Amino acid sequence: MADKPQSGTIFGVPYNFERPSLGRMLSSYWQPGKGMLVKKPFGIGYTLNLASWRSWLVLVVVAALYWQERQGREEAVAEDEGPVEVVVED
């Protein structure tokens, strides 16, 4: 039986199933001079390059949206005063 490759691309999407090491994990998330997205150290696809300011902007926007969603949910729970009477006329 032929050995299957541990890393490569399929349909243009990178994959890597080699056993990850701490050094490879750290170096893959911090790549100065590269773009916002870099190949994942383990798995399929891309991940954020934390050396890019654009990645930090994405993380801030995601955190702000998550915070806003949580605030809206808490306000909705606070406004819920109980059952509502609905009248339907024929």
PDB file of N, CA and C in Angstrom:
ATOM      1  N   MET A   1       0.844  -1.177   0.000  1.00  0.00           N
ATOM      2  CA  MET A   1       0.000   0.000   0.000  1.00  0.00           C
ATOM      3  C   MET A   1       0.891   1.242   0.000  1.00  0.00           C
ATOM      4  N   ALA A   2       0.580   2.207  -0.832  1.00  0.00           N
ATOM      5  CA  ALA A   2       1.392   3.417  -0.955  1.00  0.00           C
ATOM      6  C   ALA A   2       1.173   4.336   0.249  1.00  0.00           C
ATOM      7  N   ASP A   3       2.246   4.989   0.661  1.00  0.00           N
ATOM      8  CA  ASP A   3       2.130   5.961   1.755  1.00  0.00           C
ATOM      9  C   ASP A   3       1.402   7.197   1.262  1.00  0.00           C
ATOM     10  N   LYS A   4       0.473   7.684   2.071  1.00  0.00           N
ATOM     11  CA  LYS A   4      -0.258   8.898   1.726  1.00  0.00           C
ATOM     12  C   LYS A   4       0.558  10.104   2.182  1.00  0.00           C
ATOM     13  N   PRO A   5       0.572  11.173   1.400  1.00  0.00           N
ATOM     14  CA  PRO A   5       1.331  12.356   1.812  1.00  0.00           C
ATOM     15  C   PRO A   5       0.709  13.005   3.049  1.00  0.00           C
ATOM     16  N   GLN A   6       1.553  13.467   3.956  1.00  0.00           N
ATOM     17  CA  GLN A   6       1.097  14.099   5.189  1.00  0.00           C
ATOM     18  C   GLN A   6       0.752  15.572   4.995  1.00  0.00           C
ATOM     19  N   SER A   7       1.252  16.192   3.934  1.00  0.00           N
ATOM     20  CA  SER A   7       0.945  17.597   3.676  1.00  0.00           C
ATOM     21  C   SER A   7       0.897  17.827   2.175  1.00  0.00           C
ATOM     22  N   GLY A   8       0.219  18.883   1.784  1.00  0.00           N
ATOM     23  CA  GLY A   8       0.078  19.221   0.373  1.00  0.00           C
ATOM     24  C   GLY A   8      -1.119  20.125   0.168  1.00  0.00           C
ATOM     25  N   THR A   9      -1.678  20.105  -1.014  1.00  0.00           N
ATOM     26  CA  THR A   9      -2.880  20.886  -1.311  1.00  0.00           C
ATOM     27  C   THR A   9      -3.866  20.005  -2.058  1.00  0.00           C
ATOM     28  N   ILE A  10      -5.120  20.318  -1.858  1.00  0.00           N
ATOM     29  CA  ILE A  10      -6.181  19.664  -2.606  1.00  0.00           C
ATOM     30  C   ILE A  10      -7.166  20.751  -3.027  1.00  0.00           C
ATOM     31  N   PHE A  11      -7.378  20.866  -4.309  1.00  0.00           N
ATOM     32  CA  PHE A  11      -8.212  21.932  -4.882  1.00  0.00           C
ATOM     33  C   PHE A  11      -7.738  23.306  -4.441  1.00  0.00           C
ATOM     34  N   GLY A  12      -6.438  23.478  -4.270  1.00  0.00           N
ATOM     35  CA  GLY A  12      -5.866  24.766  -3.895  1.00  0.00           C
ATOM     36  C   GLY A  12      -5.898  25.084  -2.410  1.00  0.00           C
ATOM     37  N   VAL A  13      -6.442  24.192  -1.596  1.00  0.00           N
ATOM     38  CA  VAL A  13      -6.519  24.409  -0.148  1.00  0.00           C
ATOM     39  C   VAL A  13      -5.435  23.554   0.518  1.00  0.00           C
ATOM     40  N   PRO A  14      -4.558  24.189   1.320  1.00  0.00           N
ATOM     41  CA  PRO A  14      -3.476  23.422   1.936  1.00  0.00           C
ATOM     42  C   PRO A  14      -3.964  22.541   3.083  1.00  0.00           C
ATOM     43  N   TYR A  15      -3.258  21.431   3.270  1.00  0.00           N
ATOM     44  CA  TYR A  15      -3.522  20.573   4.419  1.00  0.00           C
ATOM     45  C   TYR A  15      -2.190  20.097   4.972  1.00  0.00           C
ATOM     46  N   ASN A  16      -2.176  19.789   6.267  1.00  0.00           N
ATOM     47  CA  ASN A  16      -0.969  19.314   6.921  1.00  0.00           C
ATOM     48  C   ASN A  16      -1.383  18.452   8.104  1.00  0.00           C
ATOM     49  N   PHE A  17      -1.059  17.171   8.038  1.00  0.00           N
ATOM     50  CA  PHE A  17      -1.403  16.253   9.113  1.00  0.00           C
ATOM     51  C   PHE A  17      -0.157  15.678   9.787  1.00  0.00           C
ATOM     52  N   GLU A  18       0.978  16.363   9.609  1.00  0.00           N
ATOM     53  CA  GLU A  18       2.185  15.961  10.317  1.00  0.00           C
ATOM     54  C   GLU A  18       2.018  16.304  11.789  1.00  0.00           C
ATOM     55  N   ARG A  19       2.644  15.515  12.656  1.00  0.00           N
ATOM     56  CA  ARG A  19       2.537  15.757  14.092  1.00  0.00           C
ATOM     57  C   ARG A  19       3.091  17.156  14.416  1.00  0.00           C
ATOM     58  N   PRO A  20       2.284  18.027  15.030  1.00  0.00           N
ATOM     59  CA  PRO A  20       2.748  19.397  15.283  1.00  0.00           C
ATOM     60  C   PRO A  20       3.734  19.452  16.450  1.00  0.00           C
ATOM     61  N   SER A  21       4.706  20.338  16.313  1.00  0.00           N
ATOM     62  CA  SER A  21       5.631  20.608  17.409  1.00  0.00           C
ATOM     63  C   SER A  21       5.368  22.027  17.900  1.00  0.00           C
ATOM     64  N   LEU A  22       5.818  22.331  19.097  1.00  0.00           N
ATOM     65  CA  LEU A  22       5.579  23.659  19.669  1.00  0.00           C
ATOM     66  C   LEU A  22       6.232  24.737  18.809  1.00  0.00           C
ATOM     67  N   GLY A  23       7.435  24.491  18.353  1.00  0.00           N
ATOM     68  CA  GLY A  23       8.125  25.468  17.505  1.00  0.00           C
ATOM     69  C   GLY A  23       7.397  25.727  16.206  1.00  0.00           C
ATOM     70  N   ARG A  24       6.903  24.665  15.574  1.00  0.00           N
ATOM     71  CA  ARG A  24       6.169  24.830  14.323  1.00  0.00           C
ATOM     72  C   ARG A  24       4.846  25.551  14.556  1.00  0.00           C
ATOM     73  N   MET A  25       4.199  25.266  15.677  1.00  0.00           N
ATOM     74  CA  MET A  25       2.934  25.948  15.990  1.00  0.00           C
ATOM     75  C   MET A  25       3.168  27.446  16.166  1.00  0.00           C
ATOM     76  N   LEU A  26       4.175  27.815  16.962  1.00  0.00           N
ATOM     77  CA  LEU A  26       4.449  29.229  17.212  1.00  0.00           C
ATOM     78  C   LEU A  26       4.890  29.948  15.940  1.00  0.00           C
ATOM     79  N   SER A  27       5.758  29.323  15.163  1.00  0.00           N
ATOM     80  CA  SER A  27       6.258  29.994  13.956  1.00  0.00           C
ATOM     81  C   SER A  27       5.175  30.109  12.881  1.00  0.00           C
ATOM     82  N   SER A  28       4.190  29.269  12.895  1.00  0.00           N
ATOM     83  CA  SER A  28       3.156  29.361  11.860  1.00  0.00           C
ATOM     84  C   SER A  28       2.151  30.477  12.154  1.00  0.00           C
ATOM     85  N   TYR A  29       1.951  30.820  13.404  1.00  0.00           N
ATOM     86  CA  TYR A  29       1.016  31.902  13.734  1.00  0.00           C
ATOM     87  C   TYR A  29       1.677  33.275  13.736  1.00  0.00           C
ATOM     88  N   TRP A  30       3.015  33.344  13.666  1.00  0.00           N
ATOM     89  CA  TRP A  30       3.737  34.622  13.678  1.00  0.00           C
ATOM     90  C   TRP A  30       4.725  34.606  12.522  1.00  0.00           C
ATOM     91  N   GLN A  31       4.294  35.146  11.384  1.00  0.00           N
ATOM     92  CA  GLN A  31       5.131  35.169  10.191  1.00  0.00           C
ATOM     93  C   GLN A  31       5.205  36.589   9.642  1.00  0.00           C
ATOM     94  N   PRO A  32       6.123  37.409  10.173  1.00  0.00           N
ATOM     95  CA  PRO A  32       6.275  38.775   9.656  1.00  0.00           C
ATOM     96  C   PRO A  32       6.611  38.762   8.165  1.00  0.00           C
ATOM     97  N   GLY A  33       6.061  39.711   7.453  1.00  0.00           N
ATOM     98  CA  GLY A  33       6.312  39.805   6.029  1.00  0.00           C
ATOM     99  C   GLY A  33       5.362  38.977   5.177  1.00  0.00           C
ATOM    100  N   LYS A  34       4.536  38.169   5.777  1.00  0.00           N
ATOM    101  CA  LYS A  34       3.547  37.375   5.036  1.00  0.00           C
ATOM    102  C   LYS A  34       2.210  38.102   5.079  1.00  0.00           C
ATOM    103  N   GLY A  35       1.232  37.579   4.405  1.00  0.00           N
ATOM    104  CA  GLY A  35      -0.099  38.176   4.365  1.00  0.00           C
ATOM    105  C   GLY A  35      -0.885  37.923   5.638  1.00  0.00           C
ATOM    106  N   MET A  36      -2.155  38.282   5.594  1.00  0.00           N
ATOM    107  CA  MET A  36      -3.017  38.123   6.761  1.00  0.00           C
ATOM    108  C   MET A  36      -3.338  36.662   7.032  1.00  0.00           C
ATOM    109  N   LEU A  37      -3.455  35.852   5.991  1.00  0.00           N
ATOM    110  CA  LEU A  37      -3.755  34.433   6.151  1.00  0.00           C
ATOM    111  C   LEU A  37      -2.517  33.604   5.823  1.00  0.00           C
ATOM    112  N   VAL A  38      -2.259  32.600   6.641  1.00  0.00           N
ATOM    113  CA  VAL A  38      -1.144  31.679   6.427  1.00  0.00           C
ATOM    114  C   VAL A  38      -1.659  30.251   6.572  1.00  0.00           C
ATOM    115  N   LYS A  39      -0.877  29.297   6.081  1.00  0.00           N
ATOM    116  CA  LYS A  39      -1.273  27.892   6.181  1.00  0.00           C
ATOM    117  C   LYS A  39      -1.343  27.471   7.640  1.00  0.00           C
ATOM    118  N   LYS A  40      -2.340  26.647   7.967  1.00  0.00           N
ATOM    119  CA  LYS A  40      -2.479  26.143   9.327  1.00  0.00           C
ATOM    120  C   LYS A  40      -1.338  25.183   9.644  1.00  0.00           C
ATOM    121  N   PRO A  41      -0.867  25.167  10.895  1.00  0.00           N
ATOM    122  CA  PRO A  41       0.205  24.236  11.253  1.00  0.00           C
ATOM    123  C   PRO A  41      -0.288  22.792  11.333  1.00  0.00           C
ATOM    124  N   PHE A  42      -1.582  22.600  11.544  1.00  0.00           N
ATOM    125  CA  PHE A  42      -2.156  21.266  11.595  1.00  0.00           C
ATOM    126  C   PHE A  42      -3.604  21.360  11.148  1.00  0.00           C
ATOM    127  N   GLY A  43      -3.983  20.548  10.195  1.00  0.00           N
ATOM    128  CA  GLY A  43      -5.365  20.549   9.732  1.00  0.00           C
ATOM    129  C   GLY A  43      -5.482  21.030   8.303  1.00  0.00           C
ATOM    130  N   ILE A  44      -6.652  21.523   7.971  1.00  0.00           N
ATOM    131  CA  ILE A  44      -6.969  21.908   6.605  1.00  0.00           C
ATOM    132  C   ILE A  44      -7.287  23.396   6.569  1.00  0.00           C
ATOM    133  N   GLY A  45      -6.698  24.123   5.622  1.00  0.00           N
ATOM    134  CA  GLY A  45      -7.061  25.511   5.389  1.00  0.00           C
ATOM    135  C   GLY A  45      -6.034  26.515   5.863  1.00  0.00           C
ATOM    136  N   TYR A  46      -6.531  27.690   6.195  1.00  0.00           N
ATOM    137  CA  TYR A  46      -5.698  28.826   6.567  1.00  0.00           C
ATOM    138  C   TYR A  46      -6.060  29.305   7.969  1.00  0.00           C
ATOM    139  N   THR A  47      -5.171  30.104   8.546  1.00  0.00           N
ATOM    140  CA  THR A  47      -5.402  30.710   9.846  1.00  0.00           C
ATOM    141  C   THR A  47      -4.859  32.136   9.819  1.00  0.00           C
ATOM    142  N   LEU A  48      -5.153  32.913  10.855  1.00  0.00           N
ATOM    143  CA  LEU A  48      -4.692  34.295  10.921  1.00  0.00           C
ATOM    144  C   LEU A  48      -3.213  34.363  11.269  1.00  0.00           C
ATOM    145  N   ASN A  49      -2.501  35.257  10.608  1.00  0.00           N
ATOM    146  CA  ASN A  49      -1.107  35.547  10.903  1.00  0.00           C
ATOM    147  C   ASN A  49      -1.088  36.681  11.924  1.00  0.00           C
ATOM    148  N   LEU A  50      -0.720  36.384  13.157  1.00  0.00           N
ATOM    149  CA  LEU A  50      -0.778  37.388  14.224  1.00  0.00           C
ATOM    150  C   LEU A  50       0.298  38.450  14.105  1.00  0.00           C
ATOM    151  N   ALA A  51       1.220  38.330  13.152  1.00  0.00           N
ATOM    152  CA  ALA A  51       2.211  39.373  12.904  1.00  0.00           C
ATOM    153  C   ALA A  51       1.647  40.468  12.000  1.00  0.00           C
ATOM    154  N   SER A  52       0.470  40.270  11.458  1.00  0.00           N
ATOM    155  CA  SER A  52      -0.163  41.239  10.568  1.00  0.00           C
ATOM    156  C   SER A  52      -1.162  42.093  11.351  1.00  0.00           C
ATOM    157  N   TRP A  53      -1.114  43.402  11.151  1.00  0.00           N
ATOM    158  CA  TRP A  53      -2.038  44.294  11.859  1.00  0.00           C
ATOM    159  C   TRP A  53      -3.476  44.045  11.411  1.00  0.00           C
ATOM    160  N   ARG A  54      -3.661  43.555  10.192  1.00  0.00           N
ATOM    161  CA  ARG A  54      -5.008  43.280   9.702  1.00  0.00           C
ATOM    162  C   ARG A  54      -5.674  42.159  10.502  1.00  0.00           C
ATOM    163  N   SER A  55      -4.883  41.194  10.918  1.00  0.00           N
ATOM    164  CA  SER A  55      -5.429  40.096  11.728  1.00  0.00           C
ATOM    165  C   SER A  55      -5.930  40.611  13.068  1.00  0.00           C
ATOM    166  N   TRP A  56      -5.172  41.521  13.671  1.00  0.00           N
ATOM    167  CA  TRP A  56      -5.597  42.090  14.950  1.00  0.00           C
ATOM    168  C   TRP A  56      -6.861  42.922  14.770  1.00  0.00           C
ATOM    169  N   LEU A  57      -6.994  43.610  13.637  1.00  0.00           N
ATOM    170  CA  LEU A  57      -8.211  44.369  13.356  1.00  0.00           C
ATOM    171  C   LEU A  57      -9.408  43.422  13.240  1.00  0.00           C
ATOM    172  N   VAL A  58      -9.234  42.297  12.573  1.00  0.00           N
ATOM    173  CA  VAL A  58     -10.303  41.298  12.461  1.00  0.00           C
ATOM    174  C   VAL A  58     -10.698  40.790  13.844  1.00  0.00           C
ATOM    175  N   LEU A  59      -9.710  40.487  14.690  1.00  0.00           N
ATOM    176  CA  LEU A  59     -10.006  39.996  16.038  1.00  0.00           C
ATOM    177  C   LEU A  59     -10.757  41.030  16.875  1.00  0.00           C
ATOM    178  N   VAL A  60     -10.399  42.312  16.737  1.00  0.00           N
ATOM    179  CA  VAL A  60     -11.091  43.370  17.478  1.00  0.00           C
ATOM    180  C   VAL A  60     -12.539  43.487  17.001  1.00  0.00           C
ATOM    181  N   VAL A  61     -12.766  43.430  15.696  1.00  0.00           N
ATOM    182  CA  VAL A  61     -14.126  43.532  15.151  1.00  0.00           C
ATOM    183  C   VAL A  61     -14.966  42.342  15.619  1.00  0.00           C
ATOM    184  N   VAL A  62     -14.406  41.152  15.579  1.00  0.00           N
ATOM    185  CA  VAL A  62     -15.135  39.961  16.032  1.00  0.00           C
ATOM    186  C   VAL A  62     -15.472  40.070  17.514  1.00  0.00           C
ATOM    187  N   ALA A  63     -14.519  40.526  18.329  1.00  0.00           N
ATOM    188  CA  ALA A  63     -14.769  40.685  19.765  1.00  0.00           C
ATOM    189  C   ALA A  63     -15.860  41.728  20.015  1.00  0.00           C
ATOM    190  N   ALA A  64     -15.840  42.840  19.267  1.00  0.00           N
ATOM    191  CA  ALA A  64     -16.857  43.873  19.438  1.00  0.00           C
ATOM    192  C   ALA A  64     -18.247  43.354  19.048  1.00  0.00           C
ATOM    193  N   LEU A  65     -18.326  42.613  17.956  1.00  0.00           N
ATOM    194  CA  LEU A  65     -19.615  42.051  17.544  1.00  0.00           C
ATOM    195  C   LEU A  65     -20.125  41.035  18.560  1.00  0.00           C
ATOM    196  N   TYR A  66     -19.223  40.226  19.090  1.00  0.00           N
ATOM    197  CA  TYR A  66     -19.614  39.246  20.107  1.00  0.00           C
ATOM    198  C   TYR A  66     -20.117  39.956  21.369  1.00  0.00           C
ATOM    199  N   TRP A  67     -19.413  41.004  21.788  1.00  0.00           N
ATOM    200  CA  TRP A  67     -19.825  41.768  22.973  1.00  0.00           C
ATOM    201  C   TRP A  67     -21.192  42.409  22.738  1.00  0.00           C
ATOM    202  N   GLN A  68     -21.398  42.986  21.557  1.00  0.00           N
ATOM    203  CA  GLN A  68     -22.677  43.620  21.238  1.00  0.00           C
ATOM    204  C   GLN A  68     -23.810  42.593  21.248  1.00  0.00           C
ATOM    205  N   GLU A  69     -23.554  41.417  20.707  1.00  0.00           N
ATOM    206  CA  GLU A  69     -24.579  40.369  20.692  1.00  0.00           C
ATOM    207  C   GLU A  69     -24.923  39.921  22.110  1.00  0.00           C
ATOM    208  N   ARG A  70     -23.929  39.795  22.965  1.00  0.00           N
ATOM    209  CA  ARG A  70     -24.168  39.396  24.357  1.00  0.00           C
ATOM    210  C   ARG A  70     -24.964  40.465  25.100  1.00  0.00           C
ATOM    211  N   GLN A  71     -24.668  41.735  24.872  1.00  0.00           N
ATOM    212  CA  GLN A  71     -25.399  42.825  25.518  1.00  0.00           C
ATOM    213  C   GLN A  71     -26.859  42.807  25.075  1.00  0.00           C
ATOM    214  N   GLY A  72     -27.100  42.590  23.791  1.00  0.00           N
ATOM    215  CA  GLY A  72     -28.476  42.540  23.287  1.00  0.00           C
ATOM    216  C   GLY A  72     -29.257  41.388  23.892  1.00  0.00           C
ATOM    217  N   ARG A  73     -28.596  40.248  24.068  1.00  0.00           N
ATOM    218  CA  ARG A  73     -29.257  39.088  24.662  1.00  0.00           C
ATOM    219  C   ARG A  73     -29.594  39.362  26.129  1.00  0.00           C
ATOM    220  N   GLU A  74     -28.685  40.000  26.865  1.00  0.00           N
ATOM    221  CA  GLU A  74     -28.946  40.316  28.274  1.00  0.00           C
ATOM    222  C   GLU A  74     -30.082  41.319  28.418  1.00  0.00           C
ATOM    223  N   GLU A  75     -30.156  42.300  27.513  1.00  0.00           N
ATOM    224  CA  GLU A  75     -31.243  43.279  27.554  1.00  0.00           C
ATOM    225  C   GLU A  75     -32.572  42.615  27.217  1.00  0.00           C
ATOM    226  N   ALA A  76     -32.568  41.686  26.284  1.00  0.00           N
ATOM    227  CA  ALA A  76     -33.809  40.997  25.915  1.00  0.00           C
ATOM    228  C   ALA A  76     -34.320  40.169  27.084  1.00  0.00           C
ATOM    229  N   VAL A  77     -33.445  39.549  27.823  1.00  0.00           N
ATOM    230  CA  VAL A  77     -33.852  38.767  28.990  1.00  0.00           C
ATOM    231  C   VAL A  77     -34.388  39.700  30.068  1.00  0.00           C
ATOM    232  N   ALA A  78     -33.773  40.879  30.256  1.00  0.00           N
ATOM    233  CA  ALA A  78     -34.215  41.830  31.267  1.00  0.00           C
ATOM    234  C   ALA A  78     -35.585  42.414  30.915  1.00  0.00           C
ATOM    235  N   GLU A  79     -35.881  42.598  29.612  1.00  0.00           N
ATOM    236  CA  GLU A  79     -37.152  43.177  29.194  1.00  0.00           C
ATOM    237  C   GLU A  79     -38.298  42.176  29.241  1.00  0.00           C
ATOM    238  N   ASP A  80     -38.004  40.913  29.277  1.00  0.00           N
ATOM    239  CA  ASP A  80     -39.045  39.882  29.295  1.00  0.00           C
ATOM    240  C   ASP A  80     -39.761  39.935  30.643  1.00  0.00           C
ATOM    241  N   GLU A  81     -41.010  40.430  30.621  1.00  0.00           N
ATOM    242  CA  GLU A  81     -41.769  40.615  31.858  1.00  0.00           C
ATOM    243  C   GLU A  81     -42.788  39.515  32.104  1.00  0.00           C
ATOM    244  N   GLY A  82     -42.906  38.582  31.230  1.00  0.00           N
ATOM    245  CA  GLY A  82     -43.858  37.504  31.424  1.00  0.00           C
ATOM    246  C   GLY A  82     -44.693  37.269  30.201  1.00  0.00           C
ATOM    247  N   PRO A  83     -45.806  36.572  30.381  1.00  0.00           N
ATOM    248  CA  PRO A  83     -46.644  36.225  29.237  1.00  0.00           C
ATOM    249  C   PRO A  83     -47.323  37.468  28.638  1.00  0.00           C
ATOM    250  N   VAL A  84     -47.595  37.379  27.353  1.00  0.00           N
ATOM    251  CA  VAL A  84     -48.233  38.467  26.623  1.00  0.00           C
ATOM    252  C   VAL A  84     -49.580  37.965  26.133  1.00  0.00           C
ATOM    253  N   GLU A  85     -50.605  38.792  26.314  1.00  0.00           N
ATOM    254  CA  GLU A  85     -51.949  38.423  25.871  1.00  0.00           C
ATOM    255  C   GLU A  85     -52.108  38.822  24.407  1.00  0.00           C
ATOM    256  N   VAL A  86     -52.548  37.877  23.598  1.00  0.00           N
ATOM    257  CA  VAL A  86     -52.757  38.114  22.166  1.00  0.00           C
ATOM    258  C   VAL A  86     -54.248  37.959  21.873  1.00  0.00           C
ATOM    259  N   VAL A  87     -54.841  38.969  21.248  1.00  0.00           N
ATOM    260  CA  VAL A  87     -56.260  38.940  20.914  1.00  0.00           C
ATOM    261  C   VAL A  87     -56.383  38.816  19.410  1.00  0.00           C
ATOM    262  N   VAL A  88     -57.120  37.795  18.954  1.00  0.00           N
ATOM    263  CA  VAL A  88     -57.333  37.570  17.532  1.00  0.00           C
ATOM    264  C   VAL A  88     -58.823  37.787  17.255  1.00  0.00           C
ATOM    265  N   GLU A  89     -59.113  38.701  16.338  1.00  0.00           N
ATOM    266  CA  GLU A  89     -60.501  38.988  15.982  1.00  0.00           C
ATOM    267  C   GLU A  89     -60.832  38.342  14.658  1.00  0.00           C
ATOM    268  N   ASP A  90     -62.059  37.825  14.559  1.00  0.00           N
ATOM    269  CA  ASP A  90     -62.518  37.234  13.292  1.00  0.00           C
ATOM    270  C   ASP A  90     -63.044  38.278  12.369  1.00  0.00           C
TER     271      ASP A  90
END
